[in-house]
Amino acid sequence: MESTYQNPLSITHIGDPFVLKAPDGKYYCYATSAPDGFKAWCSIDLVHWESLGYVYSLTEKSWGERDFWAPEVIYYQGKYIMHYTARWKENHSLRLGVAISEKPEGPFIDVFSHPMFDFGYATIDGHVFIDDDKRAYLYYSKDCSENIVDGRHESHLYVVELESNLLSIRGEPVKIAQPEQEWELRSGNEWRWNEGPFMIKRNGKYYLMYSANFYASRDYAIGYAIANHPLGPFQKAAHNPILYSTSPEISGPGHNSVISSPDGKELFIVYHIHTNPDCPSDDRQICIDRLLFQDDDTLHVLGPTNTPQPLPSR
């Protein structure tokens, strides 16, 4: 009987993996996976995955035209709600959309014939967090394709409160992070990134995980910042990055989500690495590793690993 797993897992040719644990007890992985929509995979143990094929597909009625990226799905009020990135037909700029399904395996259907909001700039990597008081927040990246600061293209992280239906925003977005730590500047002086936000709450503190540097480089890596409120202010951890390339065989671990083991006793970080570490590109594959909080409330990853690891606890 199996007692271990080994990275990378069987989900290949993807990016930006997000894993949902659905009410049926199964795990569903959604990812950047096709030029005309999104594919998904299903598992009972976080290790062995079965392809479900397309769960969202481009149609004539779609507001997006291409660049379908970073889908995330939340089970909410009996529905499955997907927030995703695509390039808008109207102006060919990146925006966030929202689609709904009755089932985790889709099909997901767009709620609107347009993006869920338009702040006049490119937005990507939407992540929904619902606090204990039921207030909902959307974290996203103001994309560097259109955000130029002091002559540099930079991606910055923002948060905006959502209405209770998770389909529209309330209030104004708040800037919460930009590239500033030494490890986040390794892509050079012309292009810099903070993207792929993911929120964890623990003991009243808000841990915002994110990725930095160019996604198709070995320097792509993961850090986090802490706040006492979901709107910030956030302070980046001094020991960042917490997941990065540590050997020639592992390149560019990044854009993560976090999920619990089948018995709920362990936390796992789900992330992608480059399929060919000698030639980093948008061809990536999925990995999982254990995520731990230390006694001093700092966040740590037992990885990246590519050797046999104990199976997630059941």
C-alpha atoms as a PDB file:
ATOM      1  CA  MET A   1       0.000   0.000   0.000  1.00  0.00           C
ATOM      2  CA  GLU A   2       1.302   3.452  -0.872  1.00  0.00           C
ATOM      3  CA  SER A   3       2.657   5.535   1.974  1.00  0.00           C
ATOM      4  CA  THR A   4       4.399   8.298   0.034  1.00  0.00           C
ATOM      5  CA  TYR A   5       3.973  10.670  -2.910  1.00  0.00           C
ATOM      6  CA  GLN A   6       6.560  12.507  -4.968  1.00  0.00           C
ATOM      7  CA  ASN A   7       6.529  15.865  -6.755  1.00  0.00           C
ATOM      8  CA  PRO A   8       5.696  16.806  -9.418  1.00  0.00           C
ATOM      9  CA  LEU A   9       2.209  15.313  -9.540  1.00  0.00           C
ATOM     10  CA  SER A  10       0.304  14.185 -12.639  1.00  0.00           C
ATOM     11  CA  ILE A  11      -1.290  17.556 -13.500  1.00  0.00           C
ATOM     12  CA  THR A  12       0.939  18.949 -16.245  1.00  0.00           C
ATOM     13  CA  HIS A  13       0.994  21.760 -18.827  1.00  0.00           C
ATOM     14  CA  ILE A  14      -0.778  24.146 -16.451  1.00  0.00           C
ATOM     15  CA  GLY A  15      -0.151  27.220 -14.337  1.00  0.00           C
ATOM     16  CA  ASP A  16      -1.626  28.962 -11.305  1.00  0.00           C
ATOM     17  CA  PRO A  17      -3.194  25.924  -9.579  1.00  0.00           C
ATOM     18  CA  PHE A  18      -6.098  26.468  -7.193  1.00  0.00           C
ATOM     19  CA  VAL A  19      -7.564  23.587  -5.166  1.00  0.00           C
ATOM     20  CA  LEU A  20     -11.065  23.539  -3.674  1.00  0.00           C
ATOM     21  CA  LYS A  21     -12.263  20.990  -1.142  1.00  0.00           C
ATOM     22  CA  ALA A  22     -15.932  20.587  -2.031  1.00  0.00           C
ATOM     23  CA  PRO A  23     -18.815  19.469   0.233  1.00  0.00           C
ATOM     24  CA  ASP A  24     -18.660  16.022  -1.399  1.00  0.00           C
ATOM     25  CA  GLY A  25     -15.250  15.574   0.260  1.00  0.00           C
ATOM     26  CA  LYS A  26     -13.384  15.571  -3.033  1.00  0.00           C
ATOM     27  CA  TYR A  27     -10.685  17.988  -4.136  1.00  0.00           C
ATOM     28  CA  TYR A  28     -11.009  19.950  -7.369  1.00  0.00           C
ATOM     29  CA  CYS A  29      -8.027  21.613  -9.028  1.00  0.00           C
ATOM     30  CA  TYR A  30      -8.588  24.509 -11.429  1.00  0.00           C
ATOM     31  CA  ALA A  31      -5.687  26.033 -13.352  1.00  0.00           C
ATOM     32  CA  THR A  32      -4.512  28.105 -16.266  1.00  0.00           C
ATOM     33  CA  SER A  33      -4.796  25.250 -18.707  1.00  0.00           C
ATOM     34  CA  ALA A  34      -6.179  26.126 -22.170  1.00  0.00           C
ATOM     35  CA  PRO A  35      -6.225  29.081 -24.585  1.00  0.00           C
ATOM     36  CA  ASP A  36     -10.044  28.992 -24.773  1.00  0.00           C
ATOM     37  CA  GLY A  37     -11.134  28.266 -21.207  1.00  0.00           C
ATOM     38  CA  PHE A  38     -10.284  26.219 -18.134  1.00  0.00           C
ATOM     39  CA  LYS A  39      -9.809  22.542 -17.383  1.00  0.00           C
ATOM     40  CA  ALA A  40     -10.081  20.864 -13.983  1.00  0.00           C
ATOM     41  CA  TRP A  41      -9.029  17.719 -12.150  1.00  0.00           C
ATOM     42  CA  CYS A  42     -10.519  15.727  -9.261  1.00  0.00           C
ATOM     43  CA  SER A  43      -8.882  13.828  -6.362  1.00  0.00           C
ATOM     44  CA  ILE A  44      -9.780  12.184  -3.060  1.00  0.00           C
ATOM     45  CA  ASP A  45      -6.309  12.423  -1.520  1.00  0.00           C
ATOM     46  CA  LEU A  46      -4.539  15.503  -3.047  1.00  0.00           C
ATOM     47  CA  VAL A  47      -2.082  13.178  -4.785  1.00  0.00           C
ATOM     48  CA  HIS A  48      -3.880  11.117  -7.450  1.00  0.00           C
ATOM     49  CA  TRP A  49      -5.783  13.287  -9.932  1.00  0.00           C
ATOM     50  CA  GLU A  50      -8.375  12.482 -12.609  1.00  0.00           C
ATOM     51  CA  SER A  51      -8.960  14.858 -15.505  1.00  0.00           C
ATOM     52  CA  LEU A  52     -12.450  16.350 -15.814  1.00  0.00           C
ATOM     53  CA  GLY A  53     -11.732  18.151 -19.068  1.00  0.00           C
ATOM     54  CA  TYR A  54     -13.170  21.600 -19.703  1.00  0.00           C
ATOM     55  CA  VAL A  55     -15.214  23.220 -16.930  1.00  0.00           C
ATOM     56  CA  TYR A  56     -15.398  26.672 -18.573  1.00  0.00           C
ATOM     57  CA  SER A  57     -15.259  27.272 -22.313  1.00  0.00           C
ATOM     58  CA  LEU A  58     -14.996  30.337 -24.539  1.00  0.00           C
ATOM     59  CA  THR A  59     -18.232  30.997 -26.474  1.00  0.00           C
ATOM     60  CA  GLU A  60     -19.524  33.701 -28.796  1.00  0.00           C
ATOM     61  CA  LYS A  61     -21.201  35.328 -25.790  1.00  0.00           C
ATOM     62  CA  SER A  62     -18.027  35.440 -23.699  1.00  0.00           C
ATOM     63  CA  TRP A  63     -16.703  38.895 -22.767  1.00  0.00           C
ATOM     64  CA  GLY A  64     -13.159  37.527 -22.801  1.00  0.00           C
ATOM     65  CA  GLU A  65     -11.312  36.696 -25.989  1.00  0.00           C
ATOM     66  CA  ARG A  66      -8.086  34.977 -24.858  1.00  0.00           C
ATOM     67  CA  ASP A  67      -5.491  34.765 -22.052  1.00  0.00           C
ATOM     68  CA  PHE A  68      -7.718  32.799 -19.697  1.00  0.00           C
ATOM     69  CA  TRP A  69      -5.682  32.700 -16.497  1.00  0.00           C
ATOM     70  CA  ALA A  70      -5.770  31.865 -12.806  1.00  0.00           C
ATOM     71  CA  PRO A  71      -9.297  30.514 -12.119  1.00  0.00           C
ATOM     72  CA  GLU A  72     -10.357  30.203  -8.486  1.00  0.00           C
ATOM     73  CA  VAL A  73     -13.600  28.599  -7.298  1.00  0.00           C
ATOM     74  CA  ILE A  74     -15.426  29.081  -4.009  1.00  0.00           C
ATOM     75  CA  TYR A  75     -18.470  27.133  -2.786  1.00  0.00           C
ATOM     76  CA  TYR A  76     -20.903  29.753  -1.523  1.00  0.00           C
ATOM     77  CA  GLN A  77     -24.621  29.686  -0.734  1.00  0.00           C
ATOM     78  CA  GLY A  78     -25.099  26.410  -2.584  1.00  0.00           C
ATOM     79  CA  LYS A  79     -23.297  27.539  -5.760  1.00  0.00           C
ATOM     80  CA  TYR A  80     -19.793  27.267  -7.149  1.00  0.00           C
ATOM     81  CA  ILE A  81     -18.466  30.701  -8.084  1.00  0.00           C
ATOM     82  CA  MET A  82     -15.396  31.070 -10.309  1.00  0.00           C
ATOM     83  CA  HIS A  83     -13.370  34.263 -10.510  1.00  0.00           C
ATOM     84  CA  TYR A  84     -10.894  34.325 -13.374  1.00  0.00           C
ATOM     85  CA  THR A  85      -8.727  36.503 -15.613  1.00  0.00           C
ATOM     86  CA  ALA A  86      -9.222  37.058 -19.351  1.00  0.00           C
ATOM     87  CA  ARG A  87      -8.484  39.643 -22.003  1.00  0.00           C
ATOM     88  CA  TRP A  88     -11.524  41.840 -22.697  1.00  0.00           C
ATOM     89  CA  LYS A  89     -12.837  41.911 -26.272  1.00  0.00           C
ATOM     90  CA  GLU A  90     -13.742  45.568 -25.880  1.00  0.00           C
ATOM     91  CA  ASN A  91     -10.248  46.961 -25.339  1.00  0.00           C
ATOM     92  CA  HIS A  92      -7.931  43.910 -25.319  1.00  0.00           C
ATOM     93  CA  SER A  93      -6.933  44.679 -21.711  1.00  0.00           C
ATOM     94  CA  LEU A  94      -6.884  42.123 -18.894  1.00  0.00           C
ATOM     95  CA  ARG A  95      -9.855  42.046 -16.509  1.00  0.00           C
ATOM     96  CA  LEU A  96     -11.502  39.780 -13.925  1.00  0.00           C
ATOM     97  CA  GLY A  97     -14.677  37.852 -14.674  1.00  0.00           C
ATOM     98  CA  VAL A  98     -17.097  35.755 -12.653  1.00  0.00           C
ATOM     99  CA  ALA A  99     -18.960  32.582 -13.621  1.00  0.00           C
ATOM    100  CA  ILE A 100     -21.279  30.237 -11.707  1.00  0.00           C
ATOM    101  CA  SER A 101     -22.035  26.507 -11.748  1.00  0.00           C
ATOM    102  CA  GLU A 102     -24.312  24.147  -9.839  1.00  0.00           C
ATOM    103  CA  LYS A 103     -21.497  21.583  -9.678  1.00  0.00           C
ATOM    104  CA  PRO A 104     -17.747  21.775  -9.026  1.00  0.00           C
ATOM    105  CA  GLU A 105     -17.073  20.099 -12.362  1.00  0.00           C
ATOM    106  CA  GLY A 106     -19.015  22.770 -14.229  1.00  0.00           C
ATOM    107  CA  PRO A 107     -20.053  23.920 -16.663  1.00  0.00           C
ATOM    108  CA  PHE A 108     -19.355  27.444 -15.358  1.00  0.00           C
ATOM    109  CA  ILE A 109     -21.443  30.126 -17.045  1.00  0.00           C
ATOM    110  CA  ASP A 110     -20.576  33.830 -17.031  1.00  0.00           C
ATOM    111  CA  VAL A 111     -22.773  35.972 -14.804  1.00  0.00           C
ATOM    112  CA  PHE A 112     -22.239  39.073 -16.943  1.00  0.00           C
ATOM    113  CA  SER A 113     -21.504  39.869 -20.581  1.00  0.00           C
ATOM    114  CA  HIS A 114     -18.626  42.030 -19.320  1.00  0.00           C
ATOM    115  CA  PRO A 115     -15.955  41.936 -16.598  1.00  0.00           C
ATOM    116  CA  MET A 116     -17.212  42.073 -13.016  1.00  0.00           C
ATOM    117  CA  PHE A 117     -15.720  45.588 -12.674  1.00  0.00           C
ATOM    118  CA  ASP A 118     -13.529  48.025 -14.583  1.00  0.00           C
ATOM    119  CA  PHE A 119     -11.137  50.347 -12.753  1.00  0.00           C
ATOM    120  CA  GLY A 120      -9.592  51.488 -16.022  1.00  0.00           C
ATOM    121  CA  TYR A 121      -6.484  49.336 -15.706  1.00  0.00           C
ATOM    122  CA  ALA A 122      -5.416  45.720 -16.228  1.00  0.00           C
ATOM    123  CA  THR A 123      -6.334  43.402 -13.342  1.00  0.00           C
ATOM    124  CA  ILE A 124      -5.398  39.734 -12.887  1.00  0.00           C
ATOM    125  CA  ASP A 125      -5.281  36.920 -10.297  1.00  0.00           C
ATOM    126  CA  GLY A 126      -8.502  37.452  -8.358  1.00  0.00           C
ATOM    127  CA  HIS A 127      -8.712  35.716  -4.967  1.00  0.00           C
ATOM    128  CA  VAL A 128     -11.798  35.768  -2.709  1.00  0.00           C
ATOM    129  CA  PHE A 129     -11.499  35.652   1.078  1.00  0.00           C
ATOM    130  CA  ILE A 130     -14.513  35.521   3.422  1.00  0.00           C
ATOM    131  CA  ASP A 131     -13.788  36.607   6.984  1.00  0.00           C
ATOM    132  CA  ASP A 132     -15.360  35.216  10.149  1.00  0.00           C
ATOM    133  CA  ASP A 133     -17.818  38.121  10.205  1.00  0.00           C
ATOM    134  CA  LYS A 134     -18.990  37.023   6.703  1.00  0.00           C
ATOM    135  CA  ARG A 135     -17.572  40.136   5.017  1.00  0.00           C
ATOM    136  CA  ALA A 136     -15.966  39.219   1.715  1.00  0.00           C
ATOM    137  CA  TYR A 137     -12.847  40.631   0.071  1.00  0.00           C
ATOM    138  CA  LEU A 138     -11.287  40.328  -3.366  1.00  0.00           C
ATOM    139  CA  TYR A 139      -7.495  40.438  -3.615  1.00  0.00           C
ATOM    140  CA  TYR A 140      -5.986  40.977  -7.055  1.00  0.00           C
ATOM    141  CA  SER A 141      -2.935  42.234  -8.920  1.00  0.00           C
ATOM    142  CA  LYS A 142      -2.858  45.519 -10.834  1.00  0.00           C
ATOM    143  CA  ASP A 143      -0.952  44.099 -13.769  1.00  0.00           C
ATOM    144  CA  CYS A 144       2.403  45.434 -14.908  1.00  0.00           C
ATOM    145  CA  SER A 145       1.326  45.368 -18.542  1.00  0.00           C
ATOM    146  CA  GLU A 146      -0.319  48.757 -17.970  1.00  0.00           C
ATOM    147  CA  ASN A 147       0.991  49.902 -14.576  1.00  0.00           C
ATOM    148  CA  ILE A 148       4.126  52.005 -15.063  1.00  0.00           C
ATOM    149  CA  VAL A 149       5.891  53.544 -12.061  1.00  0.00           C
ATOM    150  CA  ASP A 150       8.996  55.714 -12.493  1.00  0.00           C
ATOM    151  CA  GLY A 151       9.430  54.274 -15.969  1.00  0.00           C
ATOM    152  CA  ARG A 152       9.146  50.663 -14.707  1.00  0.00           C
ATOM    153  CA  HIS A 153       6.388  48.153 -15.342  1.00  0.00           C
ATOM    154  CA  GLU A 154       5.218  46.931 -11.917  1.00  0.00           C
ATOM    155  CA  SER A 155       2.476  44.616 -10.661  1.00  0.00           C
ATOM    156  CA  HIS A 156       0.972  45.732  -7.335  1.00  0.00           C
ATOM    157  CA  LEU A 157      -1.460  43.945  -5.010  1.00  0.00           C
ATOM    158  CA  TYR A 158      -4.838  45.466  -4.140  1.00  0.00           C
ATOM    159  CA  VAL A 159      -7.877  44.490  -2.086  1.00  0.00           C
ATOM    160  CA  VAL A 160     -11.495  45.620  -2.428  1.00  0.00           C
ATOM    161  CA  GLU A 161     -14.532  44.590  -0.409  1.00  0.00           C
ATOM    162  CA  LEU A 162     -17.197  42.537  -2.186  1.00  0.00           C
ATOM    163  CA  GLU A 163     -20.956  42.599  -1.907  1.00  0.00           C
ATOM    164  CA  SER A 164     -22.429  39.604  -0.098  1.00  0.00           C
ATOM    165  CA  ASN A 165     -23.222  37.857  -3.413  1.00  0.00           C
ATOM    166  CA  LEU A 166     -19.480  37.871  -4.379  1.00  0.00           C
ATOM    167  CA  LEU A 167     -20.477  39.201  -7.804  1.00  0.00           C
ATOM    168  CA  SER A 168     -19.814  42.915  -7.419  1.00  0.00           C
ATOM    169  CA  ILE A 169     -17.629  45.277  -5.410  1.00  0.00           C
ATOM    170  CA  ARG A 170     -18.334  47.817  -2.688  1.00  0.00           C
ATOM    171  CA  GLY A 171     -16.061  50.676  -1.720  1.00  0.00           C
ATOM    172  CA  GLU A 172     -12.736  51.575  -3.256  1.00  0.00           C
ATOM    173  CA  PRO A 173      -9.707  49.311  -3.817  1.00  0.00           C
ATOM    174  CA  VAL A 174      -6.772  49.623  -1.413  1.00  0.00           C
ATOM    175  CA  LYS A 175      -3.163  49.123  -2.467  1.00  0.00           C
ATOM    176  CA  ILE A 176      -1.499  46.674  -0.083  1.00  0.00           C
ATOM    177  CA  ALA A 177       1.821  45.565  -1.618  1.00  0.00           C
ATOM    178  CA  GLN A 178       4.404  46.311  -4.289  1.00  0.00           C
ATOM    179  CA  PRO A 179       7.836  44.859  -5.131  1.00  0.00           C
ATOM    180  CA  GLU A 180      10.322  46.220  -2.597  1.00  0.00           C
ATOM    181  CA  GLN A 181      12.215  43.404  -0.861  1.00  0.00           C
ATOM    182  CA  GLU A 182      15.579  42.397  -2.339  1.00  0.00           C
ATOM    183  CA  TRP A 183      14.352  38.986  -3.527  1.00  0.00           C
ATOM    184  CA  GLU A 184      11.466  40.652  -5.416  1.00  0.00           C
ATOM    185  CA  LEU A 185      13.798  42.761  -7.562  1.00  0.00           C
ATOM    186  CA  ARG A 186      15.717  39.972  -9.253  1.00  0.00           C
ATOM    187  CA  SER A 187      13.789  40.358 -12.514  1.00  0.00           C
ATOM    188  CA  GLY A 188      15.633  43.638 -13.095  1.00  0.00           C
ATOM    189  CA  ASN A 189      14.848  47.336 -13.254  1.00  0.00           C
ATOM    190  CA  GLU A 190      12.341  47.346 -16.113  1.00  0.00           C
ATOM    191  CA  TRP A 191       9.722  44.815 -14.951  1.00  0.00           C
ATOM    192  CA  ARG A 192       8.743  43.827 -11.386  1.00  0.00           C
ATOM    193  CA  TRP A 193       5.927  41.732  -9.963  1.00  0.00           C
ATOM    194  CA  ASN A 194       3.742  41.107  -6.919  1.00  0.00           C
ATOM    195  CA  GLU A 195       0.926  38.782  -8.032  1.00  0.00           C
ATOM    196  CA  GLY A 196      -1.029  35.611  -7.249  1.00  0.00           C
ATOM    197  CA  PRO A 197      -2.452  36.630  -3.817  1.00  0.00           C
ATOM    198  CA  PHE A 198      -3.847  34.030  -1.408  1.00  0.00           C
ATOM    199  CA  MET A 199      -5.139  34.738   2.108  1.00  0.00           C
ATOM    200  CA  ILE A 200      -4.959  32.616   5.273  1.00  0.00           C
ATOM    201  CA  LYS A 201      -6.346  33.725   8.640  1.00  0.00           C
ATOM    202  CA  ARG A 202      -4.889  32.324  11.854  1.00  0.00           C
ATOM    203  CA  ASN A 203      -5.215  33.489  15.467  1.00  0.00           C
ATOM    204  CA  GLY A 204      -6.678  36.824  14.390  1.00  0.00           C
ATOM    205  CA  LYS A 205      -3.868  37.588  11.935  1.00  0.00           C
ATOM    206  CA  TYR A 206      -4.130  37.770   8.150  1.00  0.00           C
ATOM    207  CA  TYR A 207      -1.391  36.064   6.138  1.00  0.00           C
ATOM    208  CA  LEU A 208      -1.296  37.238   2.522  1.00  0.00           C
ATOM    209  CA  MET A 209       0.767  34.883   0.367  1.00  0.00           C
ATOM    210  CA  TYR A 210       1.905  36.101  -3.067  1.00  0.00           C
ATOM    211  CA  SER A 211       4.436  35.513  -5.833  1.00  0.00           C
ATOM    212  CA  ALA A 212       7.175  37.789  -7.150  1.00  0.00           C
ATOM    213  CA  ASN A 213       9.523  38.046 -10.146  1.00  0.00           C
ATOM    214  CA  PHE A 214       8.910  36.895 -13.739  1.00  0.00           C
ATOM    215  CA  TYR A 215       6.808  33.730 -13.881  1.00  0.00           C
ATOM    216  CA  ALA A 216       8.994  32.209 -16.634  1.00  0.00           C
ATOM    217  CA  SER A 217      12.233  32.521 -14.663  1.00  0.00           C
ATOM    218  CA  ARG A 218      13.974  30.545 -11.944  1.00  0.00           C
ATOM    219  CA  ASP A 219      13.563  33.565  -9.662  1.00  0.00           C
ATOM    220  CA  TYR A 220       9.774  33.184  -9.469  1.00  0.00           C
ATOM    221  CA  ALA A 221       9.100  32.542  -5.783  1.00  0.00           C
ATOM    222  CA  ILE A 222       6.590  32.928  -2.933  1.00  0.00           C
ATOM    223  CA  GLY A 223       6.545  35.240   0.068  1.00  0.00           C
ATOM    224  CA  TYR A 224       3.936  36.527   2.494  1.00  0.00           C
ATOM    225  CA  ALA A 225       2.871  39.588   4.462  1.00  0.00           C
ATOM    226  CA  ILE A 226       0.903  39.915   7.729  1.00  0.00           C
ATOM    227  CA  ALA A 227      -1.828  42.319   8.844  1.00  0.00           C
ATOM    228  CA  ASN A 228      -4.338  42.702  11.663  1.00  0.00           C
ATOM    229  CA  HIS A 229      -7.167  43.500   9.232  1.00  0.00           C
ATOM    230  CA  PRO A 230      -8.045  42.143   5.770  1.00  0.00           C
ATOM    231  CA  LEU A 231      -7.587  45.638   4.305  1.00  0.00           C
ATOM    232  CA  GLY A 232      -4.143  45.979   5.865  1.00  0.00           C
ATOM    233  CA  PRO A 233      -1.724  47.574   6.355  1.00  0.00           C
ATOM    234  CA  PHE A 234       0.433  44.547   5.537  1.00  0.00           C
ATOM    235  CA  GLN A 235       4.018  44.001   6.669  1.00  0.00           C
ATOM    236  CA  LYS A 236       6.126  41.659   4.561  1.00  0.00           C
ATOM    237  CA  ALA A 237       7.919  38.857   6.406  1.00  0.00           C
ATOM    238  CA  ALA A 238      11.619  39.446   6.936  1.00  0.00           C
ATOM    239  CA  HIS A 239      12.474  35.835   6.063  1.00  0.00           C
ATOM    240  CA  ASN A 240      10.844  35.947   2.609  1.00  0.00           C
ATOM    241  CA  PRO A 241      10.841  34.145   0.256  1.00  0.00           C
ATOM    242  CA  ILE A 242       9.451  30.997   1.878  1.00  0.00           C
ATOM    243  CA  LEU A 243       9.351  28.901  -1.311  1.00  0.00           C
ATOM    244  CA  TYR A 244      11.947  29.291  -4.073  1.00  0.00           C
ATOM    245  CA  SER A 245      14.245  27.348  -6.401  1.00  0.00           C
ATOM    246  CA  THR A 246      16.659  25.345  -4.271  1.00  0.00           C
ATOM    247  CA  SER A 247      18.217  22.953  -6.786  1.00  0.00           C
ATOM    248  CA  PRO A 248      18.854  22.692 -10.545  1.00  0.00           C
ATOM    249  CA  GLU A 249      15.904  20.259 -10.815  1.00  0.00           C
ATOM    250  CA  ILE A 250      13.315  22.681  -9.351  1.00  0.00           C
ATOM    251  CA  SER A 251      12.641  25.994 -11.059  1.00  0.00           C
ATOM    252  CA  GLY A 252      10.268  28.854 -10.287  1.00  0.00           C
ATOM    253  CA  PRO A 253       7.869  27.549  -7.612  1.00  0.00           C
ATOM    254  CA  GLY A 254       4.998  30.007  -7.469  1.00  0.00           C
ATOM    255  CA  HIS A 255       1.348  31.113  -7.682  1.00  0.00           C
ATOM    256  CA  ASN A 256      -0.009  29.048  -4.844  1.00  0.00           C
ATOM    257  CA  SER A 257      -3.183  28.090  -3.084  1.00  0.00           C
ATOM    258  CA  VAL A 258      -3.496  26.390   0.316  1.00  0.00           C
ATOM    259  CA  ILE A 259      -5.711  23.453   1.291  1.00  0.00           C
ATOM    260  CA  SER A 260      -6.076  21.070   4.234  1.00  0.00           C
ATOM    261  CA  SER A 261      -5.410  17.330   4.169  1.00  0.00           C
ATOM    262  CA  PRO A 262      -8.367  14.903   3.995  1.00  0.00           C
ATOM    263  CA  ASP A 263      -8.565  14.701   7.804  1.00  0.00           C
ATOM    264  CA  GLY A 264      -8.069  18.442   8.203  1.00  0.00           C
ATOM    265  CA  LYS A 265      -4.964  18.041  10.369  1.00  0.00           C
ATOM    266  CA  GLU A 266      -2.329  19.267   7.907  1.00  0.00           C
ATOM    267  CA  LEU A 267      -2.012  22.257   5.594  1.00  0.00           C
ATOM    268  CA  PHE A 268      -0.596  21.893   2.083  1.00  0.00           C
ATOM    269  CA  ILE A 269       0.618  24.539  -0.299  1.00  0.00           C
ATOM    270  CA  VAL A 270      -0.282  23.818  -3.924  1.00  0.00           C
ATOM    271  CA  TYR A 271       1.978  25.495  -6.487  1.00  0.00           C
ATOM    272  CA  HIS A 272       3.495  25.138  -9.934  1.00  0.00           C
ATOM    273  CA  ILE A 273       7.082  24.669 -11.113  1.00  0.00           C
ATOM    274  CA  HIS A 274       8.576  24.809 -14.598  1.00  0.00           C
ATOM    275  CA  THR A 275       8.318  21.556 -16.538  1.00  0.00           C
ATOM    276  CA  ASN A 276      11.761  22.135 -18.050  1.00  0.00           C
ATOM    277  CA  PRO A 277      13.941  23.773 -15.367  1.00  0.00           C
ATOM    278  CA  ASP A 278      16.663  24.431 -17.928  1.00  0.00           C
ATOM    279  CA  CYS A 279      14.266  26.440 -20.089  1.00  0.00           C
ATOM    280  CA  PRO A 280      11.605  28.108 -17.884  1.00  0.00           C
ATOM    281  CA  SER A 281       8.378  28.984 -19.710  1.00  0.00           C
ATOM    282  CA  ASP A 282       4.602  28.925 -19.280  1.00  0.00           C
ATOM    283  CA  ASP A 283       4.740  25.090 -19.420  1.00  0.00           C
ATOM    284  CA  ARG A 284       4.381  24.153 -15.757  1.00  0.00           C
ATOM    285  CA  GLN A 285       3.281  21.298 -13.513  1.00  0.00           C
ATOM    286  CA  ILE A 286       1.746  20.932 -10.082  1.00  0.00           C
ATOM    287  CA  CYS A 287       3.433  20.225  -6.741  1.00  0.00           C
ATOM    288  CA  ILE A 288       2.239  20.057  -3.133  1.00  0.00           C
ATOM    289  CA  ASP A 289       4.203  20.409   0.099  1.00  0.00           C
ATOM    290  CA  ARG A 290       3.456  20.856   3.777  1.00  0.00           C
ATOM    291  CA  LEU A 291       2.845  24.349   5.121  1.00  0.00           C
ATOM    292  CA  LEU A 292       3.561  25.053   8.798  1.00  0.00           C
ATOM    293  CA  PHE A 293       3.153  27.815  11.339  1.00  0.00           C
ATOM    294  CA  GLN A 294       6.039  28.024  13.801  1.00  0.00           C
ATOM    295  CA  ASP A 295       5.676  28.926  17.494  1.00  0.00           C
ATOM    296  CA  ASP A 296       6.537  32.541  16.668  1.00  0.00           C
ATOM    297  CA  ASP A 297       3.594  32.654  14.193  1.00  0.00           C
ATOM    298  CA  THR A 298       5.866  32.708  11.134  1.00  0.00           C
ATOM    299  CA  LEU A 299       4.905  30.729   8.058  1.00  0.00           C
ATOM    300  CA  HIS A 300       7.179  28.062   6.575  1.00  0.00           C
ATOM    301  CA  VAL A 301       7.105  25.513   3.733  1.00  0.00           C
ATOM    302  CA  LEU A 302       8.698  22.081   3.993  1.00  0.00           C
ATOM    303  CA  GLY A 303       9.869  22.271   0.422  1.00  0.00           C
ATOM    304  CA  PRO A 304      10.117  22.471  -2.465  1.00  0.00           C
ATOM    305  CA  THR A 305      10.543  18.695  -2.498  1.00  0.00           C
ATOM    306  CA  ASN A 306      11.141  16.195  -5.283  1.00  0.00           C
ATOM    307  CA  THR A 307      11.812  13.179  -3.080  1.00  0.00           C
ATOM    308  CA  PRO A 308       9.262  10.778  -1.525  1.00  0.00           C
ATOM    309  CA  GLN A 309       7.086  12.462   1.119  1.00  0.00           C
ATOM    310  CA  PRO A 310       4.469  11.004   3.496  1.00  0.00           C
ATOM    311  CA  LEU A 311       0.982  11.025   2.017  1.00  0.00           C
ATOM    312  CA  PRO A 312      -1.371  13.739   3.297  1.00  0.00           C
ATOM    313  CA  SER A 313      -2.993  12.580   6.541  1.00  0.00           C
ATOM    314  CA  ARG A 314      -6.424  10.938   6.203  1.00  0.00           C
END
